[in-house]
Amino acid sequence: MDTIPLMLLTAAVLCLCAFLRSAVGFGDALLAIPLLGMLMPLATASPVVTLAGLTMSLSIVMANKDTVI
């Protein structure tokens, strides 16, 4: 698969998973890993999902830093 369509599909899957995480509070990796596993090797999909999840978690902590500490 070409690079640009793969990046767009990956971004779409991660946006869907971020919506799921914001609506439910968890489950982004439960949905992202199988979907991205169909597009790329699992050895690549796993770090992509991990970095996306870490970024989402850090943004939530920074947005709520007054109530976290």
N, C-alpha and C. Protein backbone atom coordinates (compact mmCIF):
# COMPACT_ATOMS: atom_id res chain seq x y z
N MET A 1 0.85 -1.18 0.00
CA MET A 1 0.00 0.00 0.00
C MET A 1 0.89 1.24 0.00
N ASP A 2 0.47 2.25 -0.74
CA ASP A 2 1.23 3.49 -0.80
C ASP A 2 1.23 4.19 0.55
N THR A 3 2.16 5.10 0.71
CA THR A 3 2.35 5.77 1.99
C THR A 3 1.21 6.70 2.35
N ILE A 4 0.77 7.53 1.43
CA ILE A 4 -0.26 8.52 1.74
C ILE A 4 -1.59 7.87 2.10
N PRO A 5 -2.11 6.92 1.32
CA PRO A 5 -3.36 6.27 1.73
C PRO A 5 -3.23 5.53 3.07
N LEU A 6 -2.08 4.93 3.33
CA LEU A 6 -1.86 4.24 4.59
C LEU A 6 -1.88 5.22 5.76
N MET A 7 -1.26 6.37 5.58
CA MET A 7 -1.27 7.39 6.63
C MET A 7 -2.67 7.93 6.86
N LEU A 8 -3.44 8.13 5.82
CA LEU A 8 -4.80 8.62 5.96
C LEU A 8 -5.70 7.61 6.64
N LEU A 9 -5.58 6.34 6.26
CA LEU A 9 -6.36 5.29 6.91
C LEU A 9 -5.97 5.12 8.37
N THR A 10 -4.68 5.21 8.65
CA THR A 10 -4.21 5.12 10.04
C THR A 10 -4.75 6.28 10.86
N ALA A 11 -4.72 7.48 10.30
CA ALA A 11 -5.26 8.65 11.01
C ALA A 11 -6.76 8.50 11.24
N ALA A 12 -7.47 7.97 10.27
CA ALA A 12 -8.92 7.78 10.43
C ALA A 12 -9.21 6.75 11.53
N VAL A 13 -8.47 5.67 11.56
CA VAL A 13 -8.67 4.65 12.59
C VAL A 13 -8.35 5.23 13.97
N LEU A 14 -7.26 5.98 14.08
CA LEU A 14 -6.89 6.57 15.37
C LEU A 14 -7.90 7.62 15.82
N CYS A 15 -8.48 8.37 14.89
CA CYS A 15 -9.52 9.33 15.26
C CYS A 15 -10.77 8.61 15.76
N LEU A 16 -11.14 7.54 15.11
CA LEU A 16 -12.28 6.74 15.56
C LEU A 16 -12.01 6.19 16.96
N CYS A 17 -10.80 5.72 17.18
CA CYS A 17 -10.45 5.16 18.49
C CYS A 17 -10.36 6.24 19.56
N ALA A 18 -9.92 7.43 19.19
CA ALA A 18 -9.90 8.54 20.15
C ALA A 18 -11.33 8.93 20.53
N PHE A 19 -12.23 8.90 19.57
CA PHE A 19 -13.64 9.17 19.88
C PHE A 19 -14.18 8.12 20.84
N LEU A 20 -13.85 6.86 20.60
CA LEU A 20 -14.29 5.78 21.49
C LEU A 20 -13.73 6.00 22.90
N ARG A 21 -12.47 6.38 22.99
CA ARG A 21 -11.86 6.62 24.30
C ARG A 21 -12.50 7.79 25.01
N SER A 22 -12.83 8.83 24.28
CA SER A 22 -13.46 9.99 24.92
C SER A 22 -14.89 9.70 25.32
N ALA A 23 -15.57 8.83 24.60
CA ALA A 23 -16.95 8.51 24.93
C ALA A 23 -17.06 7.51 26.06
N VAL A 24 -16.18 6.50 26.06
CA VAL A 24 -16.29 5.41 27.01
C VAL A 24 -15.25 5.50 28.12
N GLY A 25 -14.06 6.00 27.81
CA GLY A 25 -13.00 6.11 28.79
C GLY A 25 -11.90 5.09 28.60
N PHE A 26 -12.10 4.11 27.76
CA PHE A 26 -11.08 3.11 27.46
C PHE A 26 -11.46 2.45 26.14
N GLY A 27 -10.66 1.51 25.70
CA GLY A 27 -11.02 0.73 24.54
C GLY A 27 -10.40 1.17 23.24
N ASP A 28 -9.55 2.20 23.28
CA ASP A 28 -8.96 2.65 22.03
C ASP A 28 -8.05 1.58 21.43
N ALA A 29 -7.24 0.94 22.23
CA ALA A 29 -6.35 -0.10 21.72
C ALA A 29 -7.12 -1.37 21.34
N LEU A 30 -8.23 -1.62 22.02
CA LEU A 30 -9.03 -2.80 21.69
C LEU A 30 -9.58 -2.72 20.27
N LEU A 31 -9.85 -1.54 19.82
CA LEU A 31 -10.37 -1.35 18.47
C LEU A 31 -9.25 -1.08 17.47
N ALA A 32 -8.23 -0.33 17.89
CA ALA A 32 -7.19 0.10 16.96
C ALA A 32 -6.28 -1.04 16.50
N ILE A 33 -5.88 -1.91 17.42
CA ILE A 33 -4.93 -2.97 17.06
C ILE A 33 -5.50 -3.89 15.97
N PRO A 34 -6.73 -4.40 16.10
CA PRO A 34 -7.23 -5.26 15.01
C PRO A 34 -7.41 -4.52 13.69
N LEU A 35 -7.89 -3.27 13.76
CA LEU A 35 -8.09 -2.52 12.51
C LEU A 35 -6.77 -2.18 11.84
N LEU A 36 -5.81 -1.70 12.63
CA LEU A 36 -4.52 -1.37 12.03
C LEU A 36 -3.75 -2.63 11.65
N GLY A 37 -4.03 -3.74 12.32
CA GLY A 37 -3.39 -5.00 11.96
C GLY A 37 -3.77 -5.48 10.58
N MET A 38 -4.91 -5.02 10.09
CA MET A 38 -5.31 -5.36 8.71
C MET A 38 -4.58 -4.49 7.68
N LEU A 39 -4.05 -3.35 8.14
CA LEU A 39 -3.39 -2.43 7.22
C LEU A 39 -1.87 -2.55 7.23
N MET A 40 -1.32 -2.98 8.37
CA MET A 40 0.13 -3.02 8.54
C MET A 40 0.49 -4.19 9.45
N PRO A 41 1.75 -4.54 9.50
CA PRO A 41 2.15 -5.62 10.42
C PRO A 41 1.90 -5.23 11.88
N LEU A 42 1.61 -6.22 12.70
CA LEU A 42 1.35 -5.95 14.12
C LEU A 42 2.57 -5.37 14.82
N ALA A 43 3.76 -5.69 14.33
CA ALA A 43 4.98 -5.12 14.91
C ALA A 43 5.05 -3.61 14.68
N THR A 44 4.33 -3.10 13.71
CA THR A 44 4.26 -1.67 13.46
C THR A 44 3.03 -1.07 14.11
N ALA A 45 1.91 -1.78 14.07
CA ALA A 45 0.66 -1.26 14.60
C ALA A 45 0.72 -1.05 16.11
N SER A 46 1.38 -1.94 16.81
CA SER A 46 1.44 -1.85 18.27
C SER A 46 2.15 -0.58 18.76
N PRO A 47 3.33 -0.24 18.25
CA PRO A 47 3.94 1.02 18.68
C PRO A 47 3.15 2.26 18.26
N VAL A 48 2.50 2.20 17.10
CA VAL A 48 1.69 3.34 16.65
C VAL A 48 0.55 3.58 17.63
N VAL A 49 -0.13 2.53 18.04
CA VAL A 49 -1.25 2.65 18.97
C VAL A 49 -0.74 3.08 20.35
N THR A 50 0.41 2.57 20.76
CA THR A 50 0.98 2.95 22.04
C THR A 50 1.32 4.43 22.08
N LEU A 51 1.95 4.93 21.04
CA LEU A 51 2.29 6.36 20.99
C LEU A 51 1.04 7.24 20.92
N ALA A 52 0.04 6.79 20.18
CA ALA A 52 -1.21 7.55 20.11
C ALA A 52 -1.91 7.57 21.47
N GLY A 53 -1.93 6.43 22.15
CA GLY A 53 -2.54 6.36 23.47
C GLY A 53 -1.79 7.20 24.49
N LEU A 54 -0.47 7.18 24.42
CA LEU A 54 0.34 8.01 25.32
C LEU A 54 0.08 9.49 25.07
N THR A 55 -0.01 9.87 23.82
CA THR A 55 -0.31 11.26 23.48
C THR A 55 -1.68 11.68 23.99
N MET A 56 -2.67 10.81 23.82
CA MET A 56 -4.02 11.13 24.33
C MET A 56 -4.01 11.25 25.84
N SER A 57 -3.33 10.34 26.52
CA SER A 57 -3.28 10.37 27.98
C SER A 57 -2.58 11.63 28.49
N LEU A 58 -1.47 11.99 27.87
CA LEU A 58 -0.77 13.20 28.29
C LEU A 58 -1.58 14.46 28.04
N SER A 59 -2.32 14.49 26.95
CA SER A 59 -3.15 15.67 26.68
C SER A 59 -4.29 15.77 27.69
N ILE A 60 -4.83 14.63 28.12
CA ILE A 60 -5.89 14.64 29.14
C ILE A 60 -5.32 15.10 30.47
N VAL A 61 -4.13 14.63 30.83
CA VAL A 61 -3.51 15.05 32.08
C VAL A 61 -3.20 16.53 32.05
N MET A 62 -2.67 17.03 30.94
CA MET A 62 -2.35 18.46 30.87
C MET A 62 -3.60 19.33 30.91
N ALA A 63 -4.68 18.85 30.33
CA ALA A 63 -5.92 19.63 30.34
C ALA A 63 -6.54 19.65 31.73
N ASN A 64 -6.29 18.62 32.52
CA ASN A 64 -6.88 18.51 33.85
C ASN A 64 -5.83 18.52 34.95
N LYS A 65 -4.73 19.21 34.73
CA LYS A 65 -3.62 19.14 35.68
C LYS A 65 -3.97 19.73 37.05
N ASP A 66 -4.93 20.62 37.12
CA ASP A 66 -5.32 21.17 38.42
C ASP A 66 -6.04 20.14 39.27
N THR A 67 -6.78 19.26 38.65
CA THR A 67 -7.53 18.26 39.41
C THR A 67 -6.77 16.95 39.59
N VAL A 68 -5.69 16.76 38.84
CA VAL A 68 -4.93 15.52 38.92
C VAL A 68 -4.04 15.49 40.15
N ILE A 69 -3.44 16.60 40.44
CA ILE A 69 -2.48 16.65 41.56
C ILE A 69 -3.18 16.92 42.87
